[in-house]
């Protein structure tokens, strides 16, 4: 695992947990981390991570609309 050191001015009210959550949520949103990896990075269960994602403006449903379209078409072809 990589270690990153970030210097944040003392005037910024931002603790370690909040910084990790911001980084993990963004990496999850960009598809760089899976849900499980992002939750692990922050030290949360998947469920807890999911519950907090919305406060960071990140959707749990994190896959391209083209995948959704393909899934819908696949379901239609199977009469689901």
Protein backbone atom coordinates (compact mmCIF):
# COMPACT_ATOMS: atom_id res chain seq x y z
CA UNK A 1 0.00 0.00 0.00
CA UNK A 2 1.23 3.51 -0.80
CA UNK A 3 1.75 6.13 1.88
CA UNK A 4 1.03 9.77 1.11
CA UNK A 5 1.85 12.74 3.30
CA UNK A 6 -0.24 15.88 2.82
CA UNK A 7 0.45 19.20 4.50
CA UNK A 8 -2.80 21.03 5.25
CA UNK A 9 -2.68 24.51 6.81
CA UNK A 10 -3.62 24.62 10.49
CA UNK A 11 -6.35 27.10 9.61
CA UNK A 12 -8.26 24.42 7.70
CA UNK A 13 -10.69 22.44 9.85
CA UNK A 14 -10.07 19.04 8.28
CA UNK A 15 -9.15 15.91 10.26
CA UNK A 16 -7.43 12.74 9.02
CA UNK A 17 -10.66 10.74 8.77
CA UNK A 18 -12.34 13.46 6.70
CA UNK A 19 -9.32 13.69 4.39
CA UNK A 20 -9.31 9.92 3.87
CA UNK A 21 -13.05 9.92 3.17
CA UNK A 22 -12.66 12.71 0.59
CA UNK A 23 -9.86 10.82 -1.15
CA UNK A 24 -11.58 7.41 -0.96
CA UNK A 25 -14.90 8.73 -2.24
CA UNK A 26 -13.26 10.48 -5.18
CA UNK A 27 -11.18 7.42 -6.09
CA UNK A 28 -14.33 5.26 -5.89
CA UNK A 29 -16.24 7.75 -8.05
CA UNK A 30 -13.47 7.67 -10.68
CA UNK A 31 -13.43 3.86 -10.66
CA UNK A 32 -9.90 3.67 -9.27
CA UNK A 33 -11.05 1.80 -6.14
CA UNK A 34 -13.81 -0.74 -5.66
CA UNK A 35 -16.42 -0.09 -2.99
CA UNK A 36 -14.67 -2.55 -0.69
CA UNK A 37 -11.24 -1.02 -1.26
CA UNK A 38 -12.53 2.50 -0.64
CA UNK A 39 -14.32 1.42 2.56
CA UNK A 40 -11.19 -0.36 3.75
CA UNK A 41 -9.06 2.73 3.07
CA UNK A 42 -11.26 4.74 5.42
CA UNK A 43 -11.59 1.94 7.96
CA UNK A 44 -15.35 1.54 7.53
CA UNK A 45 -17.64 -1.31 6.62
CA UNK A 46 -19.05 -1.22 3.09
CA UNK A 47 -22.45 -0.34 4.52
CA UNK A 48 -21.11 2.60 6.54
CA UNK A 49 -19.11 3.85 3.55
CA UNK A 50 -22.21 3.67 1.34
CA UNK A 51 -24.22 5.66 3.89
CA UNK A 52 -21.61 8.43 3.95
CA UNK A 53 -20.96 8.61 0.17
CA UNK A 54 -23.98 10.84 -0.46
CA UNK A 55 -22.59 13.57 1.78
CA UNK A 56 -19.61 13.73 -0.59
CA UNK A 57 -21.86 13.96 -3.66
CA UNK A 58 -20.97 10.45 -4.85
CA UNK A 59 -23.54 7.92 -6.00
CA UNK A 60 -23.32 4.29 -4.92
CA UNK A 61 -24.34 3.34 -8.45
CA UNK A 62 -20.98 3.92 -9.99
CA UNK A 63 -20.92 2.51 -13.48
CA UNK A 64 -21.30 4.01 -16.93
CA UNK A 65 -24.77 4.57 -18.36
CA UNK A 66 -23.73 2.40 -21.33
CA UNK A 67 -23.49 -0.54 -18.90
CA UNK A 68 -26.96 0.24 -17.60
CA UNK A 69 -28.34 0.38 -21.15
CA UNK A 70 -26.76 -2.99 -21.91
CA UNK A 71 -28.18 -4.46 -18.69
CA UNK A 72 -31.68 -3.19 -19.55
CA UNK A 73 -31.49 -4.65 -23.05
CA UNK A 74 -30.22 -7.95 -21.66
CA UNK A 75 -33.10 -8.08 -19.17
CA UNK A 76 -35.63 -7.33 -21.92
CA UNK A 77 -34.26 -10.15 -24.07
CA UNK A 78 -34.79 -12.54 -21.16
CA UNK A 79 -38.34 -11.29 -20.47
CA UNK A 80 -37.46 -10.18 -16.95
